[in-house]
Amino acid sequence: MFNLLRKNKTSQIKKYLQEGATLLDVRFASEYNSGHISKSVNIPLQSLDEKMDQLDKDKPIVVYCAMGGRSTIAAAKLKSRGFRVIDGRSIKSIKKLT
């Protein structure tokens, strides 16, 4: 059952990426500067509320962080504001798909 859910989420992330999704990195700027996914946008979680208007509501968003905790919070915030978003969890997970 868990593998089926993971496969469904992976399929959804791939679909969003094919649609030109915004890759949103919610790690600290120092973490982002140490290494990130090409073409990703960095808005640290603690700045997300004030910078959310910089994101395009017409594009899907795949959000990630270092381990998955911050991305889960960010995805919930974005979803509550009407964004089409999926929690990609960790940078390692997303790198496997890009």
PDB file of N, CA and C in Angstrom:
ATOM      1  N   MET A   1       0.822  -1.201   0.000  1.00  0.00           N
ATOM      2  CA  MET A   1       0.000   0.000   0.000  1.00  0.00           C
ATOM      3  C   MET A   1       0.862   1.259   0.000  1.00  0.00           C
ATOM      4  N   PHE A   2       1.887   1.280   0.869  1.00  0.00           N
ATOM      5  CA  PHE A   2       2.751   2.455   0.960  1.00  0.00           C
ATOM      6  C   PHE A   2       3.488   2.698  -0.358  1.00  0.00           C
ATOM      7  N   ASN A   3       3.961   1.613  -0.996  1.00  0.00           N
ATOM      8  CA  ASN A   3       4.651   1.748  -2.278  1.00  0.00           C
ATOM      9  C   ASN A   3       3.725   2.291  -3.355  1.00  0.00           C
ATOM     10  N   LEU A   4       2.456   1.893  -3.331  1.00  0.00           N
ATOM     11  CA  LEU A   4       1.486   2.397  -4.294  1.00  0.00           C
ATOM     12  C   LEU A   4       1.298   3.900  -4.127  1.00  0.00           C
ATOM     13  N   LEU A   5       1.182   4.358  -2.888  1.00  0.00           N
ATOM     14  CA  LEU A   5       1.049   5.793  -2.630  1.00  0.00           C
ATOM     15  C   LEU A   5       2.281   6.546  -3.094  1.00  0.00           C
ATOM     16  N   ARG A   6       3.449   5.992  -2.835  1.00  0.00           N
ATOM     17  CA  ARG A   6       4.695   6.628  -3.247  1.00  0.00           C
ATOM     18  C   ARG A   6       4.770   6.718  -4.773  1.00  0.00           C
ATOM     19  N   LYS A   7       4.367   5.645  -5.467  1.00  0.00           N
ATOM     20  CA  LYS A   7       4.380   5.647  -6.934  1.00  0.00           C
ATOM     21  C   LYS A   7       3.416   6.681  -7.481  1.00  0.00           C
ATOM     22  N   ASN A   8       2.237   6.801  -6.864  1.00  0.00           N
ATOM     23  CA  ASN A   8       1.266   7.802  -7.303  1.00  0.00           C
ATOM     24  C   ASN A   8       1.816   9.209  -7.126  1.00  0.00           C
ATOM     25  N   LYS A   9       2.468   9.461  -6.008  1.00  0.00           N
ATOM     26  CA  LYS A   9       3.044  10.780  -5.754  1.00  0.00           C
ATOM     27  C   LYS A   9       4.182  11.057  -6.731  1.00  0.00           C
ATOM     28  N   THR A  10       5.018  10.063  -6.983  1.00  0.00           N
ATOM     29  CA  THR A  10       6.112  10.218  -7.939  1.00  0.00           C
ATOM     30  C   THR A  10       5.557  10.522  -9.325  1.00  0.00           C
ATOM     31  N   SER A  11       4.500   9.843  -9.717  1.00  0.00           N
ATOM     32  CA  SER A  11       3.865  10.090 -11.018  1.00  0.00           C
ATOM     33  C   SER A  11       3.330  11.514 -11.093  1.00  0.00           C
ATOM     34  N   GLN A  12       2.726  11.983 -10.011  1.00  0.00           N
ATOM     35  CA  GLN A  12       2.186  13.347  -9.982  1.00  0.00           C
ATOM     36  C   GLN A  12       3.308  14.376 -10.060  1.00  0.00           C
ATOM     37  N   ILE A  13       4.406  14.140  -9.367  1.00  0.00           N
ATOM     38  CA  ILE A  13       5.546  15.060  -9.429  1.00  0.00           C
ATOM     39  C   ILE A  13       6.089  15.109 -10.851  1.00  0.00           C
ATOM     40  N   LYS A  14       6.255  13.947 -11.481  1.00  0.00           N
ATOM     41  CA  LYS A  14       6.747  13.904 -12.864  1.00  0.00           C
ATOM     42  C   LYS A  14       5.806  14.662 -13.797  1.00  0.00           C
ATOM     43  N   LYS A  15       4.511  14.493 -13.594  1.00  0.00           N
ATOM     44  CA  LYS A  15       3.522  15.198 -14.414  1.00  0.00           C
ATOM     45  C   LYS A  15       3.673  16.708 -14.239  1.00  0.00           C
ATOM     46  N   TYR A  16       3.774  17.164 -13.008  1.00  0.00           N
ATOM     47  CA  TYR A  16       3.950  18.590 -12.743  1.00  0.00           C
ATOM     48  C   TYR A  16       5.228  19.109 -13.400  1.00  0.00           C
ATOM     49  N   LEU A  17       6.307  18.355 -13.304  1.00  0.00           N
ATOM     50  CA  LEU A  17       7.572  18.779 -13.903  1.00  0.00           C
ATOM     51  C   LEU A  17       7.448  18.878 -15.420  1.00  0.00           C
ATOM     52  N   GLN A  18       6.729  17.948 -16.033  1.00  0.00           N
ATOM     53  CA  GLN A  18       6.508  17.989 -17.483  1.00  0.00           C
ATOM     54  C   GLN A  18       5.660  19.194 -17.879  1.00  0.00           C
ATOM     55  N   GLU A  19       4.813  19.646 -16.976  1.00  0.00           N
ATOM     56  CA  GLU A  19       3.967  20.818 -17.226  1.00  0.00           C
ATOM     57  C   GLU A  19       4.715  22.127 -16.968  1.00  0.00           C
ATOM     58  N   GLY A  20       5.995  22.038 -16.630  1.00  0.00           N
ATOM     59  CA  GLY A  20       6.782  23.246 -16.370  1.00  0.00           C
ATOM     60  C   GLY A  20       6.600  23.803 -14.978  1.00  0.00           C
ATOM     61  N   ALA A  21       6.398  22.934 -14.020  1.00  0.00           N
ATOM     62  CA  ALA A  21       6.186  23.357 -12.632  1.00  0.00           C
ATOM     63  C   ALA A  21       7.326  24.223 -12.115  1.00  0.00           C
ATOM     64  N   THR A  22       6.987  25.099 -11.199  1.00  0.00           N
ATOM     65  CA  THR A  22       7.990  25.840 -10.452  1.00  0.00           C
ATOM     66  C   THR A  22       8.565  24.903  -9.404  1.00  0.00           C
ATOM     67  N   LEU A  23       9.878  24.781  -9.370  1.00  0.00           N
ATOM     68  CA  LEU A  23      10.554  24.019  -8.318  1.00  0.00           C
ATOM     69  C   LEU A  23      10.862  25.000  -7.206  1.00  0.00           C
ATOM     70  N   LEU A  24      10.218  24.837  -6.082  1.00  0.00           N
ATOM     71  CA  LEU A  24      10.368  25.764  -4.964  1.00  0.00           C
ATOM     72  C   LEU A  24      11.189  25.124  -3.856  1.00  0.00           C
ATOM     73  N   ASP A  25      12.334  25.701  -3.600  1.00  0.00           N
ATOM     74  CA  ASP A  25      13.261  25.252  -2.557  1.00  0.00           C
ATOM     75  C   ASP A  25      13.022  26.132  -1.336  1.00  0.00           C
ATOM     76  N   VAL A  26      12.564  25.541  -0.242  1.00  0.00           N
ATOM     77  CA  VAL A  26      12.229  26.325   0.950  1.00  0.00           C
ATOM     78  C   VAL A  26      13.296  26.231   2.038  1.00  0.00           C
ATOM     79  N   ARG A  27      14.504  25.834   1.650  1.00  0.00           N
ATOM     80  CA  ARG A  27      15.612  25.791   2.610  1.00  0.00           C
ATOM     81  C   ARG A  27      16.161  27.204   2.824  1.00  0.00           C
ATOM     82  N   PHE A  28      17.002  27.351   3.835  1.00  0.00           N
ATOM     83  CA  PHE A  28      17.681  28.625   4.076  1.00  0.00           C
ATOM     84  C   PHE A  28      18.533  28.984   2.860  1.00  0.00           C
ATOM     85  N   ALA A  29      18.752  30.274   2.638  1.00  0.00           N
ATOM     86  CA  ALA A  29      19.559  30.730   1.504  1.00  0.00           C
ATOM     87  C   ALA A  29      20.949  30.104   1.524  1.00  0.00           C
ATOM     88  N   SER A  30      21.526  29.949   2.700  1.00  0.00           N
ATOM     89  CA  SER A  30      22.865  29.346   2.793  1.00  0.00           C
ATOM     90  C   SER A  30      22.851  27.896   2.307  1.00  0.00           C
ATOM     91  N   GLU A  31      21.782  27.161   2.605  1.00  0.00           N
ATOM     92  CA  GLU A  31      21.658  25.781   2.119  1.00  0.00           C
ATOM     93  C   GLU A  31      21.500  25.774   0.599  1.00  0.00           C
ATOM     94  N   TYR A  32      20.665  26.667   0.103  1.00  0.00           N
ATOM     95  CA  TYR A  32      20.426  26.776  -1.336  1.00  0.00           C
ATOM     96  C   TYR A  32      21.725  27.099  -2.069  1.00  0.00           C
ATOM     97  N   ASN A  33      22.480  28.043  -1.530  1.00  0.00           N
ATOM     98  CA  ASN A  33      23.735  28.451  -2.161  1.00  0.00           C
ATOM     99  C   ASN A  33      24.789  27.354  -2.132  1.00  0.00           C
ATOM    100  N   SER A  34      24.647  26.411  -1.210  1.00  0.00           N
ATOM    101  CA  SER A  34      25.582  25.281  -1.129  1.00  0.00           C
ATOM    102  C   SER A  34      25.284  24.214  -2.178  1.00  0.00           C
ATOM    103  N   GLY A  35      24.131  24.291  -2.797  1.00  0.00           N
ATOM    104  CA  GLY A  35      23.746  23.340  -3.827  1.00  0.00           C
ATOM    105  C   GLY A  35      22.244  23.266  -3.956  1.00  0.00           C
ATOM    106  N   HIS A  36      21.766  23.365  -5.188  1.00  0.00           N
ATOM    107  CA  HIS A  36      20.328  23.327  -5.441  1.00  0.00           C
ATOM    108  C   HIS A  36      20.059  22.735  -6.819  1.00  0.00           C
ATOM    109  N   ILE A  37      18.812  22.518  -7.102  1.00  0.00           N
ATOM    110  CA  ILE A  37      18.395  21.997  -8.398  1.00  0.00           C
ATOM    111  C   ILE A  37      18.315  23.159  -9.378  1.00  0.00           C
ATOM    112  N   SER A  38      18.875  22.938 -10.549  1.00  0.00           N
ATOM    113  CA  SER A  38      18.878  23.958 -11.593  1.00  0.00           C
ATOM    114  C   SER A  38      17.462  24.474 -11.850  1.00  0.00           C
ATOM    115  N   LYS A  39      17.344  25.765 -12.016  1.00  0.00           N
ATOM    116  CA  LYS A  39      16.089  26.466 -12.309  1.00  0.00           C
ATOM    117  C   LYS A  39      15.110  26.489 -11.137  1.00  0.00           C
ATOM    118  N   SER A  40      15.550  26.088  -9.961  1.00  0.00           N
ATOM    119  CA  SER A  40      14.665  26.173  -8.796  1.00  0.00           C
ATOM    120  C   SER A  40      14.643  27.605  -8.271  1.00  0.00           C
ATOM    121  N   VAL A  41      13.608  27.915  -7.529  1.00  0.00           N
ATOM    122  CA  VAL A  41      13.429  29.222  -6.904  1.00  0.00           C
ATOM    123  C   VAL A  41      13.586  29.019  -5.405  1.00  0.00           C
ATOM    124  N   ASN A  42      14.333  29.902  -4.761  1.00  0.00           N
ATOM    125  CA  ASN A  42      14.536  29.787  -3.320  1.00  0.00           C
ATOM    126  C   ASN A  42      13.720  30.834  -2.580  1.00  0.00           C
ATOM    127  N   ILE A  43      12.761  30.365  -1.817  1.00  0.00           N
ATOM    128  CA  ILE A  43      12.035  31.202  -0.861  1.00  0.00           C
ATOM    129  C   ILE A  43      12.051  30.419   0.446  1.00  0.00           C
ATOM    130  N   PRO A  44      12.916  30.809   1.373  1.00  0.00           N
ATOM    131  CA  PRO A  44      12.979  30.082   2.649  1.00  0.00           C
ATOM    132  C   PRO A  44      11.610  30.043   3.332  1.00  0.00           C
ATOM    133  N   LEU A  45      11.328  28.953   4.003  1.00  0.00           N
ATOM    134  CA  LEU A  45      10.028  28.763   4.648  1.00  0.00           C
ATOM    135  C   LEU A  45       9.636  29.961   5.501  1.00  0.00           C
ATOM    136  N   GLN A  46      10.573  30.506   6.261  1.00  0.00           N
ATOM    137  CA  GLN A  46      10.233  31.616   7.155  1.00  0.00           C
ATOM    138  C   GLN A  46       9.861  32.891   6.395  1.00  0.00           C
ATOM    139  N   SER A  47      10.134  32.950   5.086  1.00  0.00           N
ATOM    140  CA  SER A  47       9.784  34.112   4.261  1.00  0.00           C
ATOM    141  C   SER A  47       8.600  33.841   3.340  1.00  0.00           C
ATOM    142  N   LEU A  48       8.090  32.637   3.359  1.00  0.00           N
ATOM    143  CA  LEU A  48       7.075  32.237   2.381  1.00  0.00           C
ATOM    144  C   LEU A  48       5.811  33.086   2.449  1.00  0.00           C
ATOM    145  N   ASP A  49       5.306  33.357   3.631  1.00  0.00           N
ATOM    146  CA  ASP A  49       4.066  34.135   3.744  1.00  0.00           C
ATOM    147  C   ASP A  49       4.190  35.504   3.085  1.00  0.00           C
ATOM    148  N   GLU A  50       5.320  36.168   3.286  1.00  0.00           N
ATOM    149  CA  GLU A  50       5.477  37.513   2.725  1.00  0.00           C
ATOM    150  C   GLU A  50       5.897  37.511   1.259  1.00  0.00           C
ATOM    151  N   LYS A  51       6.404  36.393   0.741  1.00  0.00           N
ATOM    152  CA  LYS A  51       6.875  36.349  -0.648  1.00  0.00           C
ATOM    153  C   LYS A  51       6.020  35.453  -1.545  1.00  0.00           C
ATOM    154  N   MET A  52       4.934  34.948  -1.008  1.00  0.00           N
ATOM    155  CA  MET A  52       4.078  34.038  -1.758  1.00  0.00           C
ATOM    156  C   MET A  52       3.547  34.667  -3.039  1.00  0.00           C
ATOM    157  N   ASP A  53       3.358  35.992  -3.033  1.00  0.00           N
ATOM    158  CA  ASP A  53       2.829  36.669  -4.217  1.00  0.00           C
ATOM    159  C   ASP A  53       3.811  36.661  -5.387  1.00  0.00           C
ATOM    160  N   GLN A  54       5.053  36.251  -5.165  1.00  0.00           N
ATOM    161  CA  GLN A  54       6.038  36.135  -6.244  1.00  0.00           C
ATOM    162  C   GLN A  54       5.822  34.866  -7.067  1.00  0.00           C
ATOM    163  N   LEU A  55       4.982  33.976  -6.580  1.00  0.00           N
ATOM    164  CA  LEU A  55       4.737  32.704  -7.255  1.00  0.00           C
ATOM    165  C   LEU A  55       3.516  32.806  -8.165  1.00  0.00           C
ATOM    166  N   ASP A  56       3.559  32.092  -9.273  1.00  0.00           N
ATOM    167  CA  ASP A  56       2.498  32.089 -10.271  1.00  0.00           C
ATOM    168  C   ASP A  56       1.452  31.030  -9.920  1.00  0.00           C
ATOM    169  N   LYS A  57       0.231  31.477  -9.640  1.00  0.00           N
ATOM    170  CA  LYS A  57      -0.837  30.536  -9.276  1.00  0.00           C
ATOM    171  C   LYS A  57      -1.283  29.680 -10.458  1.00  0.00           C
ATOM    172  N   ASP A  58      -0.910  30.083 -11.664  1.00  0.00           N
ATOM    173  CA  ASP A  58      -1.308  29.329 -12.849  1.00  0.00           C
ATOM    174  C   ASP A  58      -0.362  28.177 -13.171  1.00  0.00           C
ATOM    175  N   LYS A  59       0.759  28.104 -12.473  1.00  0.00           N
ATOM    176  CA  LYS A  59       1.724  27.024 -12.689  1.00  0.00           C
ATOM    177  C   LYS A  59       1.731  26.095 -11.483  1.00  0.00           C
ATOM    178  N   PRO A  60       1.844  24.788 -11.733  1.00  0.00           N
ATOM    179  CA  PRO A  60       1.977  23.882 -10.590  1.00  0.00           C
ATOM    180  C   PRO A  60       3.308  24.126  -9.880  1.00  0.00           C
ATOM    181  N   ILE A  61       3.367  23.778  -8.619  1.00  0.00           N
ATOM    182  CA  ILE A  61       4.573  23.970  -7.809  1.00  0.00           C
ATOM    183  C   ILE A  61       4.957  22.642  -7.175  1.00  0.00           C
ATOM    184  N   VAL A  62       6.244  22.317  -7.283  1.00  0.00           N
ATOM    185  CA  VAL A  62       6.813  21.179  -6.565  1.00  0.00           C
ATOM    186  C   VAL A  62       7.736  21.779  -5.520  1.00  0.00           C
ATOM    187  N   VAL A  63       7.422  21.572  -4.260  1.00  0.00           N
ATOM    188  CA  VAL A  63       8.194  22.171  -3.171  1.00  0.00           C
ATOM    189  C   VAL A  63       9.077  21.112  -2.519  1.00  0.00           C
ATOM    190  N   TYR A  64      10.304  21.525  -2.187  1.00  0.00           N
ATOM    191  CA  TYR A  64      11.233  20.601  -1.531  1.00  0.00           C
ATOM    192  C   TYR A  64      12.115  21.348  -0.547  1.00  0.00           C
ATOM    193  N   CYS A  65      12.760  20.580   0.331  1.00  0.00           N
ATOM    194  CA  CYS A  65      13.716  21.121   1.298  1.00  0.00           C
ATOM    195  C   CYS A  65      14.819  20.087   1.484  1.00  0.00           C
ATOM    196  N   ALA A  66      15.455  20.080   2.620  1.00  0.00           N
ATOM    197  CA  ALA A  66      16.550  19.135   2.855  1.00  0.00           C
ATOM    198  C   ALA A  66      16.035  17.728   3.155  1.00  0.00           C
ATOM    199  N   MET A  67      15.086  17.612   4.070  1.00  0.00           N
ATOM    200  CA  MET A  67      14.633  16.292   4.518  1.00  0.00           C
ATOM    201  C   MET A  67      13.127  16.057   4.354  1.00  0.00           C
ATOM    202  N   GLY A  68      12.343  17.104   4.172  1.00  0.00           N
ATOM    203  CA  GLY A  68      10.908  16.940   3.977  1.00  0.00           C
ATOM    204  C   GLY A  68      10.022  17.646   4.979  1.00  0.00           C
ATOM    205  N   GLY A  69      10.557  18.063   6.102  1.00  0.00           N
ATOM    206  CA  GLY A  69       9.742  18.728   7.117  1.00  0.00           C
ATOM    207  C   GLY A  69       9.251  20.098   6.689  1.00  0.00           C
ATOM    208  N   ARG A  70      10.155  20.929   6.235  1.00  0.00           N
ATOM    209  CA  ARG A  70       9.781  22.286   5.820  1.00  0.00           C
ATOM    210  C   ARG A  70       8.921  22.274   4.563  1.00  0.00           C
ATOM    211  N   SER A  71       9.199  21.338   3.667  1.00  0.00           N
ATOM    212  CA  SER A  71       8.407  21.274   2.434  1.00  0.00           C
ATOM    213  C   SER A  71       6.956  20.906   2.736  1.00  0.00           C
ATOM    214  N   THR A  72       6.733  20.071   3.725  1.00  0.00           N
ATOM    215  CA  THR A  72       5.375  19.682   4.110  1.00  0.00           C
ATOM    216  C   THR A  72       4.600  20.895   4.621  1.00  0.00           C
ATOM    217  N   ILE A  73       5.241  21.702   5.440  1.00  0.00           N
ATOM    218  CA  ILE A  73       4.611  22.920   5.966  1.00  0.00           C
ATOM    219  C   ILE A  73       4.337  23.901   4.829  1.00  0.00           C
ATOM    220  N   ALA A  74       5.332  24.095   3.961  1.00  0.00           N
ATOM    221  CA  ALA A  74       5.189  25.027   2.840  1.00  0.00           C
ATOM    222  C   ALA A  74       4.071  24.584   1.899  1.00  0.00           C
ATOM    223  N   ALA A  75       4.021  23.297   1.592  1.00  0.00           N
ATOM    224  CA  ALA A  75       2.981  22.783   0.693  1.00  0.00           C
ATOM    225  C   ALA A  75       1.589  23.030   1.273  1.00  0.00           C
ATOM    226  N   ALA A  76       1.426  22.823   2.567  1.00  0.00           N
ATOM    227  CA  ALA A  76       0.131  23.056   3.216  1.00  0.00           C
ATOM    228  C   ALA A  76      -0.253  24.533   3.143  1.00  0.00           C
ATOM    229  N   LYS A  77       0.703  25.419   3.378  1.00  0.00           N
ATOM    230  CA  LYS A  77       0.430  26.865   3.301  1.00  0.00           C
ATOM    231  C   LYS A  77       0.009  27.256   1.889  1.00  0.00           C
ATOM    232  N   LEU A  78       0.764  26.775   0.902  1.00  0.00           N
ATOM    233  CA  LEU A  78       0.466  27.118  -0.487  1.00  0.00           C
ATOM    234  C   LEU A  78      -0.890  26.565  -0.917  1.00  0.00           C
ATOM    235  N   LYS A  79      -1.165  25.340  -0.550  1.00  0.00           N
ATOM    236  CA  LYS A  79      -2.441  24.710  -0.906  1.00  0.00           C
ATOM    237  C   LYS A  79      -3.602  25.496  -0.303  1.00  0.00           C
ATOM    238  N   SER A  80      -3.439  25.969   0.936  1.00  0.00           N
ATOM    239  CA  SER A  80      -4.511  26.727   1.590  1.00  0.00           C
ATOM    240  C   SER A  80      -4.760  28.072   0.915  1.00  0.00           C
ATOM    241  N   ARG A  81      -3.800  28.534   0.138  1.00  0.00           N
ATOM    242  CA  ARG A  81      -3.936  29.809  -0.590  1.00  0.00           C
ATOM    243  C   ARG A  81      -4.314  29.592  -2.055  1.00  0.00           C
ATOM    244  N   GLY A  82      -4.646  28.363  -2.408  1.00  0.00           N
ATOM    245  CA  GLY A  82      -5.154  28.106  -3.751  1.00  0.00           C
ATOM    246  C   GLY A  82      -4.129  27.712  -4.795  1.00  0.00           C
ATOM    247  N   PHE A  83      -2.904  27.440  -4.382  1.00  0.00           N
ATOM    248  CA  PHE A  83      -1.883  27.003  -5.333  1.00  0.00           C
ATOM    249  C   PHE A  83      -2.044  25.516  -5.621  1.00  0.00           C
ATOM    250  N   ARG A  84      -1.693  25.118  -6.833  1.00  0.00           N
ATOM    251  CA  ARG A  84      -1.631  23.699  -7.201  1.00  0.00           C
ATOM    252  C   ARG A  84      -0.235  23.225  -6.847  1.00  0.00           C
ATOM    253  N   VAL A  85      -0.114  22.496  -5.766  1.00  0.00           N
ATOM    254  CA  VAL A  85       1.204  22.188  -5.197  1.00  0.00           C
ATOM    255  C   VAL A  85       1.286  20.722  -4.793  1.00  0.00           C
ATOM    256  N   ILE A  86       2.493  20.197  -4.886  1.00  0.00           N
ATOM    257  CA  ILE A  86       2.764  18.858  -4.370  1.00  0.00           C
ATOM    258  C   ILE A  86       4.047  18.924  -3.555  1.00  0.00           C
ATOM    259  N   ASP A  87       4.046  18.210  -2.460  1.00  0.00           N
ATOM    260  CA  ASP A  87       5.210  18.159  -1.577  1.00  0.00           C
ATOM    261  C   ASP A  87       6.191  17.128  -2.124  1.00  0.00           C
ATOM    262  N   GLY A  88       7.296  17.620  -2.674  1.00  0.00           N
ATOM    263  CA  GLY A  88       8.327  16.727  -3.200  1.00  0.00           C
ATOM    264  C   GLY A  88       9.256  16.193  -2.135  1.00  0.00           C
ATOM    265  N   ARG A  89       9.093  16.713  -0.913  1.00  0.00           N
ATOM    266  CA  ARG A  89       9.880  16.309   0.256  1.00  0.00           C
ATOM    267  C   ARG A  89      11.335  16.756   0.135  1.00  0.00           C
ATOM    268  N   SER A  90      12.252  15.855  -0.111  1.00  0.00           N
ATOM    269  CA  SER A  90      13.681  16.198  -0.027  1.00  0.00           C
ATOM    270  C   SER A  90      14.294  16.521  -1.387  1.00  0.00           C
ATOM    271  N   ILE A  91      15.356  17.301  -1.350  1.00  0.00           N
ATOM    272  CA  ILE A  91      16.097  17.626  -2.564  1.00  0.00           C
ATOM    273  C   ILE A  91      16.614  16.347  -3.221  1.00  0.00           C
ATOM    274  N   LYS A  92      17.002  15.392  -2.416  1.00  0.00           N
ATOM    275  CA  LYS A  92      17.502  14.114  -2.938  1.00  0.00           C
ATOM    276  C   LYS A  92      16.423  13.407  -3.763  1.00  0.00           C
ATOM    277  N   SER A  93      15.205  13.403  -3.274  1.00  0.00           N
ATOM    278  CA  SER A  93      14.095  12.767  -3.994  1.00  0.00           C
ATOM    279  C   SER A  93      13.827  13.450  -5.327  1.00  0.00           C
ATOM    280  N   ILE A  94      13.848  14.774  -5.326  1.00  0.00           N
ATOM    281  CA  ILE A  94      13.556  15.526  -6.545  1.00  0.00           C
ATOM    282  C   ILE A  94      14.690  15.384  -7.556  1.00  0.00           C
ATOM    283  N   LYS A  95      15.919  15.373  -7.086  1.00  0.00           N
ATOM    284  CA  LYS A  95      17.054  15.206  -8.009  1.00  0.00           C
ATOM    285  C   LYS A  95      16.946  13.910  -8.798  1.00  0.00           C
ATOM    286  N   LYS A  96      16.389  12.879  -8.196  1.00  0.00           N
ATOM    287  CA  LYS A  96      16.217  11.598  -8.894  1.00  0.00           C
ATOM    288  C   LYS A  96      15.234  11.713 -10.058  1.00  0.00           C
ATOM    289  N   LEU A  97      14.347  12.706  -9.999  1.00  0.00           N
ATOM    290  CA  LEU A  97      13.296  12.851 -11.007  1.00  0.00           C
ATOM    291  C   LEU A  97      13.606  13.906 -12.059  1.00  0.00           C
ATOM    292  N   THR A  98      14.652  14.679 -11.844  1.00  0.00           N
ATOM    293  CA  THR A  98      14.966  15.754 -12.800  1.00  0.00           C
ATOM    294  C   THR A  98      16.147  15.391 -13.669  1.00  0.00           C
TER     295      THR A  98
END
